Amino acid sequence: MRPRARIAVLLVLTFVVFAAMMSDASACPMCKAALASHDRSHGDWVGGFFWSILFMLSMPFVLLGSFSTYMYLLVRRARRETAQREGLQGEAAETKGVQQSLLEPAMASAQR
């Protein structure tokens, strides 16, 4: 048996064993009772669940927004550097053109 196939079989067997050993997941009975009775002596459970759910739901948007902003800033910086590089090359070509235009009359008179 190939090593990759052996690893895949072991992973599947591990998953099957854990699935067979797992019982129904149930919430803590006391937490469930505290939520049902709205008992404030245990703290603000409903508020805690509200904020935790809000936090978990906002994370994909925060991560995507952060990544998108980072990529936007990288592209903007690269475009700015390219424009500066082209501007410097344009200035060098322009300077070379000015030098040639200044030298042309002297060269023309030298050729006569």
PDB file of N, CA and C in Angstrom:
ATOM      1  N   MET A   1       0.843  -1.169   0.000  1.00  0.00           N
ATOM      2  CA  MET A   1       0.000   0.000   0.000  1.00  0.00           C
ATOM      3  C   MET A   1       0.896   1.242   0.000  1.00  0.00           C
ATOM      4  N   ARG A   2       0.542   2.231  -0.765  1.00  0.00           N
ATOM      5  CA  ARG A   2       1.312   3.462  -0.858  1.00  0.00           C
ATOM      6  C   ARG A   2       1.226   4.248   0.451  1.00  0.00           C
ATOM      7  N   PRO A   3       2.240   5.049   0.727  1.00  0.00           N
ATOM      8  CA  PRO A   3       2.226   5.815   1.979  1.00  0.00           C
ATOM      9  C   PRO A   3       1.058   6.805   2.060  1.00  0.00           C
ATOM     10  N   ARG A   4       0.737   7.444   0.951  1.00  0.00           N
ATOM     11  CA  ARG A   4      -0.382   8.403   0.976  1.00  0.00           C
ATOM     12  C   ARG A   4      -1.707   7.696   1.209  1.00  0.00           C
ATOM     13  N   ALA A   5      -1.879   6.555   0.578  1.00  0.00           N
ATOM     14  CA  ALA A   5      -3.119   5.790   0.769  1.00  0.00           C
ATOM     15  C   ALA A   5      -3.217   5.300   2.205  1.00  0.00           C
ATOM     16  N   ARG A   6      -2.094   4.900   2.771  1.00  0.00           N
ATOM     17  CA  ARG A   6      -2.080   4.434   4.161  1.00  0.00           C
ATOM     18  C   ARG A   6      -2.477   5.561   5.112  1.00  0.00           C
ATOM     19  N   ILE A   7      -1.960   6.758   4.853  1.00  0.00           N
ATOM     20  CA  ILE A   7      -2.314   7.908   5.692  1.00  0.00           C
ATOM     21  C   ILE A   7      -3.795   8.231   5.554  1.00  0.00           C
ATOM     22  N   ALA A   8      -4.314   8.186   4.343  1.00  0.00           N
ATOM     23  CA  ALA A   8      -5.740   8.467   4.128  1.00  0.00           C
ATOM     24  C   ALA A   8      -6.611   7.448   4.850  1.00  0.00           C
ATOM     25  N   VAL A   9      -6.243   6.169   4.788  1.00  0.00           N
ATOM     26  CA  VAL A   9      -7.015   5.131   5.469  1.00  0.00           C
ATOM     27  C   VAL A   9      -6.966   5.338   6.982  1.00  0.00           C
ATOM     28  N   LEU A  10      -5.794   5.682   7.507  1.00  0.00           N
ATOM     29  CA  LEU A  10      -5.682   5.930   8.947  1.00  0.00           C
ATOM     30  C   LEU A  10      -6.524   7.131   9.377  1.00  0.00           C
ATOM     31  N   LEU A  11      -6.544   8.174   8.573  1.00  0.00           N
ATOM     32  CA  LEU A  11      -7.380   9.336   8.900  1.00  0.00           C
ATOM     33  C   LEU A  11      -8.863   8.973   8.899  1.00  0.00           C
ATOM     34  N   VAL A  12      -9.284   8.220   7.906  1.00  0.00           N
ATOM     35  CA  VAL A  12     -10.693   7.817   7.840  1.00  0.00           C
ATOM     36  C   VAL A  12     -11.046   6.924   9.027  1.00  0.00           C
ATOM     37  N   LEU A  13     -10.175   5.981   9.359  1.00  0.00           N
ATOM     38  CA  LEU A  13     -10.440   5.104  10.500  1.00  0.00           C
ATOM     39  C   LEU A  13     -10.488   5.901  11.807  1.00  0.00           C
ATOM     40  N   THR A  14      -9.599   6.865  11.954  1.00  0.00           N
ATOM     41  CA  THR A  14      -9.614   7.707  13.148  1.00  0.00           C
ATOM     42  C   THR A  14     -10.925   8.476  13.238  1.00  0.00           C
ATOM     43  N   PHE A  15     -11.364   9.031  12.128  1.00  0.00           N
ATOM     44  CA  PHE A  15     -12.639   9.753  12.108  1.00  0.00           C
ATOM     45  C   PHE A  15     -13.800   8.839  12.477  1.00  0.00           C
ATOM     46  N   VAL A  16     -13.811   7.633  11.934  1.00  0.00           N
ATOM     47  CA  VAL A  16     -14.895   6.682  12.223  1.00  0.00           C
ATOM     48  C   VAL A  16     -14.891   6.305  13.694  1.00  0.00           C
ATOM     49  N   VAL A  17     -13.713   6.073  14.277  1.00  0.00           N
ATOM     50  CA  VAL A  17     -13.636   5.710  15.696  1.00  0.00           C
ATOM     51  C   VAL A  17     -14.150   6.854  16.565  1.00  0.00           C
ATOM     52  N   PHE A  18     -13.721   8.084  16.278  1.00  0.00           N
ATOM     53  CA  PHE A  18     -14.208   9.213  17.066  1.00  0.00           C
ATOM     54  C   PHE A  18     -15.706   9.425  16.885  1.00  0.00           C
ATOM     55  N   ALA A  19     -16.203   9.240  15.686  1.00  0.00           N
ATOM     56  CA  ALA A  19     -17.644   9.397  15.439  1.00  0.00           C
ATOM     57  C   ALA A  19     -18.436   8.339  16.191  1.00  0.00           C
ATOM     58  N   ALA A  20     -17.927   7.116  16.303  1.00  0.00           N
ATOM     59  CA  ALA A  20     -18.623   6.047  17.017  1.00  0.00           C
ATOM     60  C   ALA A  20     -18.598   6.284  18.528  1.00  0.00           C
ATOM     61  N   MET A  21     -17.507   6.859  19.025  1.00  0.00           N
ATOM     62  CA  MET A  21     -17.391   7.091  20.467  1.00  0.00           C
ATOM     63  C   MET A  21     -18.145   8.332  20.917  1.00  0.00           C
ATOM     64  N   MET A  22     -18.436   9.221  20.005  1.00  0.00           N
ATOM     65  CA  MET A  22     -19.056  10.480  20.359  1.00  0.00           C
ATOM     66  C   MET A  22     -20.540  10.284  20.668  1.00  0.00           C
ATOM     67  N   SER A  23     -20.959  10.877  21.747  1.00  0.00           N
ATOM     68  CA  SER A  23     -22.386  10.845  22.065  1.00  0.00           C
ATOM     69  C   SER A  23     -23.004  12.178  21.653  1.00  0.00           C
ATOM     70  N   ASP A  24     -24.281  12.312  21.859  1.00  0.00           N
ATOM     71  CA  ASP A  24     -24.943  13.565  21.520  1.00  0.00           C
ATOM     72  C   ASP A  24     -24.357  14.701  22.348  1.00  0.00           C
ATOM     73  N   ALA A  25     -24.022  15.782  21.680  1.00  0.00           N
ATOM     74  CA  ALA A  25     -23.500  16.951  22.382  1.00  0.00           C
ATOM     75  C   ALA A  25     -24.663  17.710  22.986  1.00  0.00           C
ATOM     76  N   SER A  26     -24.548  17.991  24.255  1.00  0.00           N
ATOM     77  CA  SER A  26     -25.613  18.737  24.920  1.00  0.00           C
ATOM     78  C   SER A  26     -24.989  19.877  25.711  1.00  0.00           C
ATOM     79  N   ALA A  27     -25.729  20.931  25.831  1.00  0.00           N
ATOM     80  CA  ALA A  27     -25.238  22.083  26.573  1.00  0.00           C
ATOM     81  C   ALA A  27     -25.281  21.786  28.059  1.00  0.00           C
ATOM     82  N   CYS A  28     -24.551  22.584  28.798  1.00  0.00           N
ATOM     83  CA  CYS A  28     -24.543  22.445  30.252  1.00  0.00           C
ATOM     84  C   CYS A  28     -25.967  22.650  30.768  1.00  0.00           C
ATOM     85  N   PRO A  29     -26.512  21.718  31.554  1.00  0.00           N
ATOM     86  CA  PRO A  29     -27.894  21.865  32.032  1.00  0.00           C
ATOM     87  C   PRO A  29     -28.101  23.117  32.880  1.00  0.00           C
ATOM     88  N   MET A  30     -27.101  23.498  33.637  1.00  0.00           N
ATOM     89  CA  MET A  30     -27.255  24.687  34.478  1.00  0.00           C
ATOM     90  C   MET A  30     -27.277  25.961  33.626  1.00  0.00           C
ATOM     91  N   CYS A  31     -26.468  25.969  32.585  1.00  0.00           N
ATOM     92  CA  CYS A  31     -26.471  27.133  31.691  1.00  0.00           C
ATOM     93  C   CYS A  31     -27.829  27.259  31.003  1.00  0.00           C
ATOM     94  N   LYS A  32     -28.354  26.127  30.586  1.00  0.00           N
ATOM     95  CA  LYS A  32     -29.654  26.126  29.919  1.00  0.00           C
ATOM     96  C   LYS A  32     -30.750  26.614  30.864  1.00  0.00           C
ATOM     97  N   ALA A  33     -30.695  26.174  32.109  1.00  0.00           N
ATOM     98  CA  ALA A  33     -31.695  26.598  33.091  1.00  0.00           C
ATOM     99  C   ALA A  33     -31.550  28.087  33.413  1.00  0.00           C
ATOM    100  N   ALA A  34     -30.305  28.574  33.510  1.00  0.00           N
ATOM    101  CA  ALA A  34     -30.084  29.988  33.807  1.00  0.00           C
ATOM    102  C   ALA A  34     -30.603  30.864  32.669  1.00  0.00           C
ATOM    103  N   LEU A  35     -30.410  30.415  31.436  1.00  0.00           N
ATOM    104  CA  LEU A  35     -30.916  31.185  30.305  1.00  0.00           C
ATOM    105  C   LEU A  35     -32.436  31.197  30.274  1.00  0.00           C
ATOM    106  N   ALA A  36     -33.041  30.073  30.623  1.00  0.00           N
ATOM    107  CA  ALA A  36     -34.500  29.987  30.581  1.00  0.00           C
ATOM    108  C   ALA A  36     -35.146  30.824  31.669  1.00  0.00           C
ATOM    109  N   SER A  37     -34.503  30.931  32.845  1.00  0.00           N
ATOM    110  CA  SER A  37     -35.120  31.657  33.961  1.00  0.00           C
ATOM    111  C   SER A  37     -34.771  33.136  33.977  1.00  0.00           C
ATOM    112  N   HIS A  38     -33.849  33.561  33.154  1.00  0.00           N
ATOM    113  CA  HIS A  38     -33.373  34.955  33.128  1.00  0.00           C
ATOM    114  C   HIS A  38     -32.917  35.398  34.511  1.00  0.00           C
ATOM    115  N   ASP A  39     -32.236  34.508  35.208  1.00  0.00           N
ATOM    116  CA  ASP A  39     -31.756  34.779  36.561  1.00  0.00           C
ATOM    117  C   ASP A  39     -30.503  35.641  36.489  1.00  0.00           C
ATOM    118  N   ARG A  40     -30.563  36.831  37.098  1.00  0.00           N
ATOM    119  CA  ARG A  40     -29.429  37.767  37.043  1.00  0.00           C
ATOM    120  C   ARG A  40     -28.324  37.414  38.045  1.00  0.00           C
ATOM    121  N   SER A  41     -28.570  36.471  38.935  1.00  0.00           N
ATOM    122  CA  SER A  41     -27.548  36.115  39.917  1.00  0.00           C
ATOM    123  C   SER A  41     -26.374  35.381  39.261  1.00  0.00           C
ATOM    124  N   HIS A  42     -26.580  34.821  38.105  1.00  0.00           N
ATOM    125  CA  HIS A  42     -25.524  34.117  37.387  1.00  0.00           C
ATOM    126  C   HIS A  42     -24.808  35.026  36.396  1.00  0.00           C
ATOM    127  N   GLY A  43     -25.140  36.278  36.390  1.00  0.00           N
ATOM    128  CA  GLY A  43     -24.538  37.207  35.440  1.00  0.00           C
ATOM    129  C   GLY A  43     -25.441  37.370  34.230  1.00  0.00           C
ATOM    130  N   ASP A  44     -25.036  38.226  33.358  1.00  0.00           N
ATOM    131  CA  ASP A  44     -25.842  38.505  32.169  1.00  0.00           C
ATOM    132  C   ASP A  44     -25.462  37.513  31.071  1.00  0.00           C
ATOM    133  N   TRP A  45     -26.013  36.313  31.132  1.00  0.00           N
ATOM    134  CA  TRP A  45     -25.697  35.260  30.172  1.00  0.00           C
ATOM    135  C   TRP A  45     -26.168  35.627  28.776  1.00  0.00           C
ATOM    136  N   VAL A  46     -27.361  36.193  28.689  1.00  0.00           N
ATOM    137  CA  VAL A  46     -27.911  36.533  27.371  1.00  0.00           C
ATOM    138  C   VAL A  46     -27.045  37.601  26.707  1.00  0.00           C
ATOM    139  N   GLY A  47     -26.629  38.592  27.474  1.00  0.00           N
ATOM    140  CA  GLY A  47     -25.749  39.623  26.935  1.00  0.00           C
ATOM    141  C   GLY A  47     -24.412  39.045  26.508  1.00  0.00           C
ATOM    142  N   GLY A  48     -23.895  38.112  27.301  1.00  0.00           N
ATOM    143  CA  GLY A  48     -22.633  37.457  26.947  1.00  0.00           C
ATOM    144  C   GLY A  48     -22.746  36.682  25.652  1.00  0.00           C
ATOM    145  N   PHE A  49     -23.842  35.935  25.502  1.00  0.00           N
ATOM    146  CA  PHE A  49     -24.042  35.193  24.258  1.00  0.00           C
ATOM    147  C   PHE A  49     -24.230  36.142  23.074  1.00  0.00           C
ATOM    148  N   PHE A  50     -24.930  37.252  23.313  1.00  0.00           N
ATOM    149  CA  PHE A  50     -25.134  38.231  22.256  1.00  0.00           C
ATOM    150  C   PHE A  50     -23.801  38.765  21.742  1.00  0.00           C
ATOM    151  N   TRP A  51     -22.932  39.193  22.665  1.00  0.00           N
ATOM    152  CA  TRP A  51     -21.655  39.764  22.256  1.00  0.00           C
ATOM    153  C   TRP A  51     -20.729  38.724  21.643  1.00  0.00           C
ATOM    154  N   SER A  52     -20.775  37.500  22.146  1.00  0.00           N
ATOM    155  CA  SER A  52     -19.910  36.468  21.558  1.00  0.00           C
ATOM    156  C   SER A  52     -20.364  36.125  20.142  1.00  0.00           C
ATOM    157  N   ILE A  53     -21.665  36.060  19.908  1.00  0.00           N
ATOM    158  CA  ILE A  53     -22.178  35.783  18.566  1.00  0.00           C
ATOM    159  C   ILE A  53     -21.850  36.944  17.629  1.00  0.00           C
ATOM    160  N   LEU A  54     -22.022  38.164  18.123  1.00  0.00           N
ATOM    161  CA  LEU A  54     -21.700  39.338  17.312  1.00  0.00           C
ATOM    162  C   LEU A  54     -20.219  39.360  16.947  1.00  0.00           C
ATOM    163  N   PHE A  55     -19.364  39.020  17.908  1.00  0.00           N
ATOM    164  CA  PHE A  55     -17.923  38.969  17.658  1.00  0.00           C
ATOM    165  C   PHE A  55     -17.594  37.910  16.613  1.00  0.00           C
ATOM    166  N   MET A  56     -18.164  36.720  16.749  1.00  0.00           N
ATOM    167  CA  MET A  56     -17.873  35.641  15.799  1.00  0.00           C
ATOM    168  C   MET A  56     -18.381  35.967  14.399  1.00  0.00           C
ATOM    169  N   LEU A  57     -19.536  36.620  14.306  1.00  0.00           N
ATOM    170  CA  LEU A  57     -20.065  36.972  12.995  1.00  0.00           C
ATOM    171  C   LEU A  57     -19.280  38.105  12.331  1.00  0.00           C
ATOM    172  N   SER A  58     -18.675  38.966  13.130  1.00  0.00           N
ATOM    173  CA  SER A  58     -17.957  40.098  12.544  1.00  0.00           C
ATOM    174  C   SER A  58     -16.552  39.729  12.086  1.00  0.00           C
ATOM    175  N   MET A  59     -15.978  38.670  12.611  1.00  0.00           N
ATOM    176  CA  MET A  59     -14.593  38.328  12.291  1.00  0.00           C
ATOM    177  C   MET A  59     -14.332  38.082  10.801  1.00  0.00           C
ATOM    178  N   PRO A  60     -15.163  37.356  10.065  1.00  0.00           N
ATOM    179  CA  PRO A  60     -14.876  37.195   8.630  1.00  0.00           C
ATOM    180  C   PRO A  60     -14.835  38.531   7.889  1.00  0.00           C
ATOM    181  N   PHE A  61     -15.715  39.449   8.246  1.00  0.00           N
ATOM    182  CA  PHE A  61     -15.742  40.753   7.587  1.00  0.00           C
ATOM    183  C   PHE A  61     -14.519  41.586   7.964  1.00  0.00           C
ATOM    184  N   VAL A  62     -14.108  41.513   9.220  1.00  0.00           N
ATOM    185  CA  VAL A  62     -12.919  42.249   9.655  1.00  0.00           C
ATOM    186  C   VAL A  62     -11.681  41.701   8.957  1.00  0.00           C
ATOM    187  N   LEU A  63     -11.554  40.386   8.895  1.00  0.00           N
ATOM    188  CA  LEU A  63     -10.389  39.783   8.242  1.00  0.00           C
ATOM    189  C   LEU A  63     -10.362  40.094   6.752  1.00  0.00           C
ATOM    190  N   LEU A  64     -11.499  39.955   6.088  1.00  0.00           N
ATOM    191  CA  LEU A  64     -11.561  40.244   4.657  1.00  0.00           C
ATOM    192  C   LEU A  64     -11.287  41.721   4.383  1.00  0.00           C
ATOM    193  N   GLY A  65     -11.852  42.593   5.202  1.00  0.00           N
ATOM    194  CA  GLY A  65     -11.624  44.026   5.034  1.00  0.00           C
ATOM    195  C   GLY A  65     -10.170  44.401   5.262  1.00  0.00           C
ATOM    196  N   SER A  66      -9.550  43.802   6.282  1.00  0.00           N
ATOM    197  CA  SER A  66      -8.140  44.082   6.568  1.00  0.00           C
ATOM    198  C   SER A  66      -7.250  43.599   5.428  1.00  0.00           C
ATOM    199  N   PHE A  67      -7.492  42.399   4.948  1.00  0.00           N
ATOM    200  CA  PHE A  67      -6.702  41.846   3.848  1.00  0.00           C
ATOM    201  C   PHE A  67      -6.888  42.687   2.585  1.00  0.00           C
ATOM    202  N   SER A  68      -8.112  43.074   2.291  1.00  0.00           N
ATOM    203  CA  SER A  68      -8.387  43.878   1.098  1.00  0.00           C
ATOM    204  C   SER A  68      -7.708  45.244   1.191  1.00  0.00           C
ATOM    205  N   THR A  69      -7.757  45.869   2.356  1.00  0.00           N
ATOM    206  CA  THR A  69      -7.110  47.167   2.539  1.00  0.00           C
ATOM    207  C   THR A  69      -5.609  47.049   2.367  1.00  0.00           C
ATOM    208  N   TYR A  70      -5.026  45.992   2.912  1.00  0.00           N
ATOM    209  CA  TYR A  70      -3.587  45.769   2.786  1.00  0.00           C
ATOM    210  C   TYR A  70      -3.198  45.602   1.311  1.00  0.00           C
ATOM    211  N   MET A  71      -3.961  44.807   0.579  1.00  0.00           N
ATOM    212  CA  MET A  71      -3.665  44.597  -0.840  1.00  0.00           C
ATOM    213  C   MET A  71      -3.834  45.896  -1.630  1.00  0.00           C
ATOM    214  N   TYR A  72      -4.860  46.673  -1.316  1.00  0.00           N
ATOM    215  CA  TYR A  72      -5.091  47.957  -1.992  1.00  0.00           C
ATOM    216  C   TYR A  72      -3.906  48.893  -1.767  1.00  0.00           C
ATOM    217  N   LEU A  73      -3.411  48.956  -0.529  1.00  0.00           N
ATOM    218  CA  LEU A  73      -2.284  49.825  -0.230  1.00  0.00           C
ATOM    219  C   LEU A  73      -1.011  49.355  -0.933  1.00  0.00           C
ATOM    220  N   LEU A  74      -0.809  48.052  -1.030  1.00  0.00           N
ATOM    221  CA  LEU A  74       0.364  47.544  -1.758  1.00  0.00           C
ATOM    222  C   LEU A  74       0.303  47.908  -3.237  1.00  0.00           C
ATOM    223  N   VAL A  75      -0.852  47.764  -3.855  1.00  0.00           N
ATOM    224  CA  VAL A  75      -1.002  48.094  -5.278  1.00  0.00           C
ATOM    225  C   VAL A  75      -0.810  49.586  -5.490  1.00  0.00           C
ATOM    226  N   ARG A  76      -1.382  50.390  -4.605  1.00  0.00           N
ATOM    227  CA  ARG A  76      -1.251  51.836  -4.740  1.00  0.00           C
ATOM    228  C   ARG A  76       0.213  52.273  -4.605  1.00  0.00           C
ATOM    229  N   ARG A  77       0.936  51.661  -3.655  1.00  0.00           N
ATOM    230  CA  ARG A  77       2.352  51.982  -3.467  1.00  0.00           C
ATOM    231  C   ARG A  77       3.167  51.562  -4.697  1.00  0.00           C
ATOM    232  N   ALA A  78       2.857  50.375  -5.250  1.00  0.00           N
ATOM    233  CA  ALA A  78       3.586  49.907  -6.432  1.00  0.00           C
ATOM    234  C   ALA A  78       3.328  50.819  -7.623  1.00  0.00           C
ATOM    235  N   ARG A  79       2.104  51.273  -7.799  1.00  0.00           N
ATOM    236  CA  ARG A  79       1.792  52.180  -8.909  1.00  0.00           C
ATOM    237  C   ARG A  79       2.509  53.512  -8.739  1.00  0.00           C
ATOM    238  N   ARG A  80       2.556  54.007  -7.500  1.00  0.00           N
ATOM    239  CA  ARG A  80       3.237  55.276  -7.239  1.00  0.00           C
ATOM    240  C   ARG A  80       4.730  55.152  -7.537  1.00  0.00           C
ATOM    241  N   GLU A  81       5.348  54.039  -7.112  1.00  0.00           N
ATOM    242  CA  GLU A  81       6.775  53.834  -7.376  1.00  0.00           C
ATOM    243  C   GLU A  81       7.048  53.686  -8.863  1.00  0.00           C
ATOM    244  N   THR A  82       6.158  53.005  -9.583  1.00  0.00           N
ATOM    245  CA  THR A  82       6.326  52.859 -11.031  1.00  0.00           C
ATOM    246  C   THR A  82       6.218  54.213 -11.712  1.00  0.00           C
ATOM    247  N   ALA A  83       5.264  55.027 -11.292  1.00  0.00           N
ATOM    248  CA  ALA A  83       5.106  56.353 -11.885  1.00  0.00           C
ATOM    249  C   ALA A  83       6.324  57.219 -11.598  1.00  0.00           C
ATOM    250  N   GLN A  84       6.883  57.122 -10.394  1.00  0.00           N
ATOM    251  CA  GLN A  84       8.077  57.892 -10.076  1.00  0.00           C
ATOM    252  C   GLN A  84       9.265  57.428 -10.917  1.00  0.00           C
ATOM    253  N   ARG A  85       9.394  56.101 -11.069  1.00  0.00           N
ATOM    254  CA  ARG A  85      10.480  55.557 -11.875  1.00  0.00           C
ATOM    255  C   ARG A  85      10.359  56.004 -13.327  1.00  0.00           C
ATOM    256  N   GLU A  86       9.141  55.970 -13.875  1.00  0.00           N
ATOM    257  CA  GLU A  86       8.930  56.412 -15.254  1.00  0.00           C
ATOM    258  C   GLU A  86       9.157  57.908 -15.379  1.00  0.00           C
ATOM    259  N   GLY A  87       8.797  58.649 -14.349  1.00  0.00           N
ATOM    260  CA  GLY A  87       9.035  60.089 -14.363  1.00  0.00           C
ATOM    261  C   GLY A  87      10.512  60.403 -14.381  1.00  0.00           C
ATOM    262  N   LEU A  88      11.300  59.675 -13.620  1.00  0.00           N
ATOM    263  CA  LEU A  88      12.749  59.872 -13.617  1.00  0.00           C
ATOM    264  C   LEU A  88      13.349  59.483 -14.960  1.00  0.00           C
ATOM    265  N   GLN A  89      12.858  58.397 -15.545  1.00  0.00           N
ATOM    266  CA  GLN A  89      13.344  57.991 -16.859  1.00  0.00           C
ATOM    267  C   GLN A  89      12.949  59.018 -17.905  1.00  0.00           C
ATOM    268  N   GLY A  90      11.740  59.565 -17.773  1.00  0.00           N
ATOM    269  CA  GLY A  90      11.295  60.594 -18.711  1.00  0.00           C
ATOM    270  C   GLY A  90      12.141  61.847 -18.601  1.00  0.00           C
ATOM    271  N   GLU A  91      12.505  62.214 -17.359  1.00  0.00           N
ATOM    272  CA  GLU A  91      13.358  63.376 -17.156  1.00  0.00           C
ATOM    273  C   GLU A  91      14.745  63.139 -17.751  1.00  0.00           C
ATOM    274  N   ALA A  92      15.254  61.912 -17.588  1.00  0.00           N
ATOM    275  CA  ALA A  92      16.569  61.589 -18.145  1.00  0.00           C
ATOM    276  C   ALA A  92      16.526  61.662 -19.669  1.00  0.00           C
ATOM    277  N   ALA A  93      15.462  61.147 -20.277  1.00  0.00           N
ATOM    278  CA  ALA A  93      15.333  61.197 -21.738  1.00  0.00           C
ATOM    279  C   ALA A  93      15.175  62.635 -22.206  1.00  0.00           C
ATOM    280  N   GLU A  94      14.435  63.416 -21.431  1.00  0.00           N
ATOM    281  CA  GLU A  94      14.243  64.813 -21.792  1.00  0.00           C
ATOM    282  C   GLU A  94      15.559  65.578 -21.707  1.00  0.00           C
ATOM    283  N   THR A  95      16.340  65.293 -20.677  1.00  0.00           N
ATOM    284  CA  THR A  95      17.646  65.937 -20.527  1.00  0.00           C
ATOM    285  C   THR A  95      18.566  65.541 -21.670  1.00  0.00           C
ATOM    286  N   LYS A  96      18.526  64.279 -22.044  1.00  0.00           N
ATOM    287  CA  LYS A  96      19.343  63.804 -23.156  1.00  0.00           C
ATOM    288  C   LYS A  96      18.923  64.492 -24.456  1.00  0.00           C
ATOM    289  N   GLY A  97      17.610  64.666 -24.639  1.00  0.00           N
ATOM    290  CA  GLY A  97      17.112  65.352 -25.830  1.00  0.00           C
ATOM    291  C   GLY A  97      17.552  66.802 -25.871  1.00  0.00           C
ATOM    292  N   VAL A  98      17.563  67.467 -24.718  1.00  0.00           N
ATOM    293  CA  VAL A  98      18.015  68.864 -24.653  1.00  0.00           C
ATOM    294  C   VAL A  98      19.492  68.938 -24.982  1.00  0.00           C
ATOM    295  N   GLN A  99      20.265  68.004 -24.432  1.00  0.00           N
ATOM    296  CA  GLN A  99      21.703  67.999 -24.712  1.00  0.00           C
ATOM    297  C   GLN A  99      21.961  67.796 -26.202  1.00  0.00           C
ATOM    298  N   GLN A 100      21.232  66.886 -26.823  1.00  0.00           N
ATOM    299  CA  GLN A 100      21.423  66.639 -28.250  1.00  0.00           C
ATOM    300  C   GLN A 100      21.020  67.856 -29.065  1.00  0.00           C
ATOM    301  N   SER A 101      19.937  68.514 -28.664  1.00  0.00           N
ATOM    302  CA  SER A 101      19.504  69.696 -29.425  1.00  0.00           C
ATOM    303  C   SER A 101      20.508  70.828 -29.287  1.00  0.00           C
ATOM    304  N   LEU A 102      21.190  70.892 -28.156  1.00  0.00           N
ATOM    305  CA  LEU A 102      22.220  71.910 -27.996  1.00  0.00           C
ATOM    306  C   LEU A 102      23.466  71.574 -28.813  1.00  0.00           C
ATOM    307  N   LEU A 103      23.749  70.293 -28.955  1.00  0.00           N
ATOM    308  CA  LEU A 103      24.949  69.875 -29.675  1.00  0.00           C
ATOM    309  C   LEU A 103      24.759  69.856 -31.195  1.00  0.00           C
ATOM    310  N   GLU A 104      23.534  69.771 -31.681  1.00  0.00           N
ATOM    311  CA  GLU A 104      23.285  69.664 -33.116  1.00  0.00           C
ATOM    312  C   GLU A 104      23.869  70.847 -33.916  1.00  0.00           C
ATOM    313  N   PRO A 105      23.644  72.079 -33.496  1.00  0.00           N
ATOM    314  CA  PRO A 105      24.227  73.182 -34.311  1.00  0.00           C
ATOM    315  C   PRO A 105      25.750  73.137 -34.330  1.00  0.00           C
ATOM    316  N   ALA A 106      26.342  72.744 -33.199  1.00  0.00           N
ATOM    317  CA  ALA A 106      27.805  72.681 -33.161  1.00  0.00           C
ATOM    318  C   ALA A 106      28.311  71.570 -34.072  1.00  0.00           C
ATOM    319  N   MET A 107      27.651  70.457 -34.089  1.00  0.00           N
ATOM    320  CA  MET A 107      28.051  69.335 -34.936  1.00  0.00           C
ATOM    321  C   MET A 107      27.823  69.661 -36.412  1.00  0.00           C
ATOM    322  N   ALA A 108      26.730  70.360 -36.693  1.00  0.00           N
ATOM    323  CA  ALA A 108      26.448  70.715 -38.072  1.00  0.00           C
ATOM    324  C   ALA A 108      27.517  71.671 -38.609  1.00  0.00           C
ATOM    325  N   SER A 109      27.935  72.623 -37.772  1.00  0.00           N
ATOM    326  CA  SER A 109      28.965  73.553 -38.233  1.00  0.00           C
ATOM    327  C   SER A 109      30.319  72.850 -38.346  1.00  0.00           C
ATOM    328  N   ALA A 110      30.556  71.851 -37.540  1.00  0.00           N
ATOM    329  CA  ALA A 110      31.817  71.116 -37.601  1.00  0.00           C
ATOM    330  C   ALA A 110      31.877  70.247 -38.851  1.00  0.00           C
ATOM    331  N   GLN A 111      30.738  69.781 -39.338  1.00  0.00           N
ATOM    332  CA  GLN A 111      30.719  68.937 -40.516  1.00  0.00           C
ATOM    333  C   GLN A 111      30.908  69.744 -41.783  1.00  0.00           C
ATOM    334  N   ARG A 112      30.661  71.001 -41.791  1.00  0.00           N
ATOM    335  CA  ARG A 112      30.778  71.849 -42.991  1.00  0.00           C
ATOM    336  C   ARG A 112      32.160  72.048 -43.343  1.00  0.00           C
TER     337      ARG A 112
END
